[in-house]
């Protein structure tokens, strides 16, 4: 999948997170949920945005929470904002679990 190639800088392409996000958005827009997700935090973020644009806030939040637990900062920001503005969509337990996952991931990948 090309989006993953740009995220990882594989197959002769340079690392380019903006291009990766664009490709994941395009895959989601074309209806390829599986191609868009692929287990990647950028794709989860993109699918979350797509679901949010369709008015599926709860589904969007689920994708953002998964991406946030994988260390995706923009997803964590969206989860926090959603929790503040629409507390009925996310439980305190889910917020705590997502926050702990985000922090744990960031600590694991931090280089000294």
C-alpha atoms as a PDB file:
ATOM      1  CA  UNK A   1       0.000   0.000   0.000  1.00  0.00           C
ATOM      2  CA  UNK A   2       1.447   3.339  -1.038  1.00  0.00           C
ATOM      3  CA  UNK A   3       0.387   5.229   2.091  1.00  0.00           C
ATOM      4  CA  UNK A   4       2.424   2.865   4.255  1.00  0.00           C
ATOM      5  CA  UNK A   5       5.369   3.180   1.867  1.00  0.00           C
ATOM      6  CA  UNK A   6       5.397   6.946   2.408  1.00  0.00           C
ATOM      7  CA  UNK A   7       5.065   6.576   6.184  1.00  0.00           C
ATOM      8  CA  UNK A   8       7.985   4.173   6.371  1.00  0.00           C
ATOM      9  CA  UNK A   9      10.086   5.496   3.492  1.00  0.00           C
ATOM     10  CA  UNK A  10      10.103   2.159   1.663  1.00  0.00           C
ATOM     11  CA  UNK A  11      10.142   0.975  -1.932  1.00  0.00           C
ATOM     12  CA  UNK A  12      12.222   3.905  -3.125  1.00  0.00           C
ATOM     13  CA  UNK A  13       9.987   6.712  -1.831  1.00  0.00           C
ATOM     14  CA  UNK A  14      11.075   9.272   0.746  1.00  0.00           C
ATOM     15  CA  UNK A  15       9.306   9.482   4.108  1.00  0.00           C
ATOM     16  CA  UNK A  16       6.467  11.938   3.667  1.00  0.00           C
ATOM     17  CA  UNK A  17       3.727  11.920   6.289  1.00  0.00           C
ATOM     18  CA  UNK A  18       1.687  14.551   4.454  1.00  0.00           C
ATOM     19  CA  UNK A  19       1.601  12.416   1.276  1.00  0.00           C
ATOM     20  CA  UNK A  20       0.789   9.323   3.353  1.00  0.00           C
ATOM     21  CA  UNK A  21      -2.147  11.077   4.985  1.00  0.00           C
ATOM     22  CA  UNK A  22      -3.390  12.262   1.588  1.00  0.00           C
ATOM     23  CA  UNK A  23      -3.278   8.702   0.247  1.00  0.00           C
ATOM     24  CA  UNK A  24      -5.074   7.314   3.296  1.00  0.00           C
ATOM     25  CA  UNK A  25      -7.766   9.990   2.918  1.00  0.00           C
ATOM     26  CA  UNK A  26      -8.121   9.089  -0.749  1.00  0.00           C
ATOM     27  CA  UNK A  27      -8.473   5.386   0.054  1.00  0.00           C
ATOM     28  CA  UNK A  28     -11.143   6.198   2.641  1.00  0.00           C
ATOM     29  CA  UNK A  29     -12.941   8.515   0.201  1.00  0.00           C
ATOM     30  CA  UNK A  30     -12.997   5.751  -2.387  1.00  0.00           C
ATOM     31  CA  UNK A  31     -14.683   3.484   0.132  1.00  0.00           C
ATOM     32  CA  UNK A  32     -11.735   1.198   0.763  1.00  0.00           C
ATOM     33  CA  UNK A  33     -12.025   0.878   4.519  1.00  0.00           C
ATOM     34  CA  UNK A  34      -9.585  -2.041   4.655  1.00  0.00           C
ATOM     35  CA  UNK A  35      -7.067  -0.342   2.385  1.00  0.00           C
ATOM     36  CA  UNK A  36      -7.425   2.858   4.342  1.00  0.00           C
ATOM     37  CA  UNK A  37      -6.959   1.275   7.747  1.00  0.00           C
ATOM     38  CA  UNK A  38      -4.173  -1.228   7.248  1.00  0.00           C
ATOM     39  CA  UNK A  39      -3.348  -1.066  10.982  1.00  0.00           C
ATOM     40  CA  UNK A  40      -1.615   2.287  10.609  1.00  0.00           C
ATOM     41  CA  UNK A  41      -2.202   5.256  12.929  1.00  0.00           C
ATOM     42  CA  UNK A  42      -2.258   7.736  10.053  1.00  0.00           C
ATOM     43  CA  UNK A  43      -4.900   5.717   8.277  1.00  0.00           C
ATOM     44  CA  UNK A  44      -6.964   5.384  11.459  1.00  0.00           C
ATOM     45  CA  UNK A  45      -6.818   9.159  11.818  1.00  0.00           C
ATOM     46  CA  UNK A  46      -7.884   9.608   8.186  1.00  0.00           C
ATOM     47  CA  UNK A  47     -10.787   7.169   8.506  1.00  0.00           C
ATOM     48  CA  UNK A  48     -11.822   8.897  11.743  1.00  0.00           C
ATOM     49  CA  UNK A  49     -11.923  12.205   9.901  1.00  0.00           C
ATOM     50  CA  UNK A  50     -13.943  10.616   7.103  1.00  0.00           C
ATOM     51  CA  UNK A  51     -16.446   9.172   9.578  1.00  0.00           C
ATOM     52  CA  UNK A  52     -16.703  12.518  11.353  1.00  0.00           C
ATOM     53  CA  UNK A  53     -17.386  14.271   8.034  1.00  0.00           C
ATOM     54  CA  UNK A  54     -20.242  11.816   7.461  1.00  0.00           C
ATOM     55  CA  UNK A  55     -21.689  12.641  10.867  1.00  0.00           C
ATOM     56  CA  UNK A  56     -20.615   9.374  12.504  1.00  0.00           C
ATOM     57  CA  UNK A  57     -19.003  10.988  15.537  1.00  0.00           C
ATOM     58  CA  UNK A  58     -18.939   7.840  17.669  1.00  0.00           C
ATOM     59  CA  UNK A  59     -17.213   5.802  14.943  1.00  0.00           C
ATOM     60  CA  UNK A  60     -14.788   8.659  14.303  1.00  0.00           C
ATOM     61  CA  UNK A  61     -13.932   8.754  17.982  1.00  0.00           C
ATOM     62  CA  UNK A  62     -13.214   5.014  18.005  1.00  0.00           C
ATOM     63  CA  UNK A  63     -10.715   5.386  15.141  1.00  0.00           C
ATOM     64  CA  UNK A  64      -9.066   8.384  16.796  1.00  0.00           C
ATOM     65  CA  UNK A  65      -8.748   6.525  20.109  1.00  0.00           C
ATOM     66  CA  UNK A  66      -7.036   3.588  18.400  1.00  0.00           C
ATOM     67  CA  UNK A  67      -4.659   5.932  16.579  1.00  0.00           C
ATOM     68  CA  UNK A  68      -3.966   7.908  19.769  1.00  0.00           C
ATOM     69  CA  UNK A  69      -3.006   4.726  21.623  1.00  0.00           C
ATOM     70  CA  UNK A  70      -0.538   4.193  18.776  1.00  0.00           C
ATOM     71  CA  UNK A  71       1.075   7.558  19.473  1.00  0.00           C
ATOM     72  CA  UNK A  72      -0.702   9.742  16.902  1.00  0.00           C
ATOM     73  CA  UNK A  73      -0.765  13.216  18.462  1.00  0.00           C
ATOM     74  CA  UNK A  74      -3.470  14.742  16.244  1.00  0.00           C
ATOM     75  CA  UNK A  75      -5.773  11.846  17.103  1.00  0.00           C
ATOM     76  CA  UNK A  76      -5.140  12.355  20.813  1.00  0.00           C
ATOM     77  CA  UNK A  77      -5.961  16.041  20.377  1.00  0.00           C
ATOM     78  CA  UNK A  78      -9.252  15.138  18.665  1.00  0.00           C
ATOM     79  CA  UNK A  79     -10.116  12.632  21.400  1.00  0.00           C
ATOM     80  CA  UNK A  80      -9.497  15.254  24.089  1.00  0.00           C
ATOM     81  CA  UNK A  81     -11.505  17.896  22.237  1.00  0.00           C
ATOM     82  CA  UNK A  82     -14.388  15.493  21.653  1.00  0.00           C
ATOM     83  CA  UNK A  83     -14.331  14.501  25.316  1.00  0.00           C
ATOM     84  CA  UNK A  84     -14.563  18.134  26.389  1.00  0.00           C
ATOM     85  CA  UNK A  85     -17.223  19.215  23.902  1.00  0.00           C
ATOM     86  CA  UNK A  86     -19.287  16.007  23.782  1.00  0.00           C
ATOM     87  CA  UNK A  87     -18.739  14.126  27.048  1.00  0.00           C
ATOM     88  CA  UNK A  88     -21.675  11.825  26.296  1.00  0.00           C
ATOM     89  CA  UNK A  89     -19.689  10.246  23.422  1.00  0.00           C
ATOM     90  CA  UNK A  90     -16.756   9.000  25.485  1.00  0.00           C
ATOM     91  CA  UNK A  91     -16.553   7.605  28.993  1.00  0.00           C
ATOM     92  CA  UNK A  92     -13.983   8.737  31.542  1.00  0.00           C
ATOM     93  CA  UNK A  93     -12.636   5.172  31.531  1.00  0.00           C
ATOM     94  CA  UNK A  94     -12.093   5.257  27.745  1.00  0.00           C
ATOM     95  CA  UNK A  95     -10.448   8.689  28.006  1.00  0.00           C
ATOM     96  CA  UNK A  96      -8.107   7.439  30.721  1.00  0.00           C
ATOM     97  CA  UNK A  97      -7.266   4.257  28.808  1.00  0.00           C
ATOM     98  CA  UNK A  98      -6.545   6.223  25.640  1.00  0.00           C
ATOM     99  CA  UNK A  99      -4.460   8.803  27.485  1.00  0.00           C
ATOM    100  CA  UNK A 100      -2.407   6.116  29.222  1.00  0.00           C
ATOM    101  CA  UNK A 101      -1.890   4.320  25.907  1.00  0.00           C
ATOM    102  CA  UNK A 102      -0.772   7.522  24.183  1.00  0.00           C
ATOM    103  CA  UNK A 103       1.697   8.397  26.946  1.00  0.00           C
ATOM    104  CA  UNK A 104       3.026   4.845  27.170  1.00  0.00           C
ATOM    105  CA  UNK A 105       3.601   4.676  23.427  1.00  0.00           C
ATOM    106  CA  UNK A 106       5.373   8.046  23.387  1.00  0.00           C
ATOM    107  CA  UNK A 107       7.631   6.992  26.261  1.00  0.00           C
ATOM    108  CA  UNK A 108       8.492   3.696  24.544  1.00  0.00           C
ATOM    109  CA  UNK A 109       9.604   5.345  21.312  1.00  0.00           C
ATOM    110  CA  UNK A 110      11.351   8.331  22.887  1.00  0.00           C
ATOM    111  CA  UNK A 111      15.071   8.326  22.225  1.00  0.00           C
ATOM    112  CA  UNK A 112      17.412   9.549  24.907  1.00  0.00           C
END
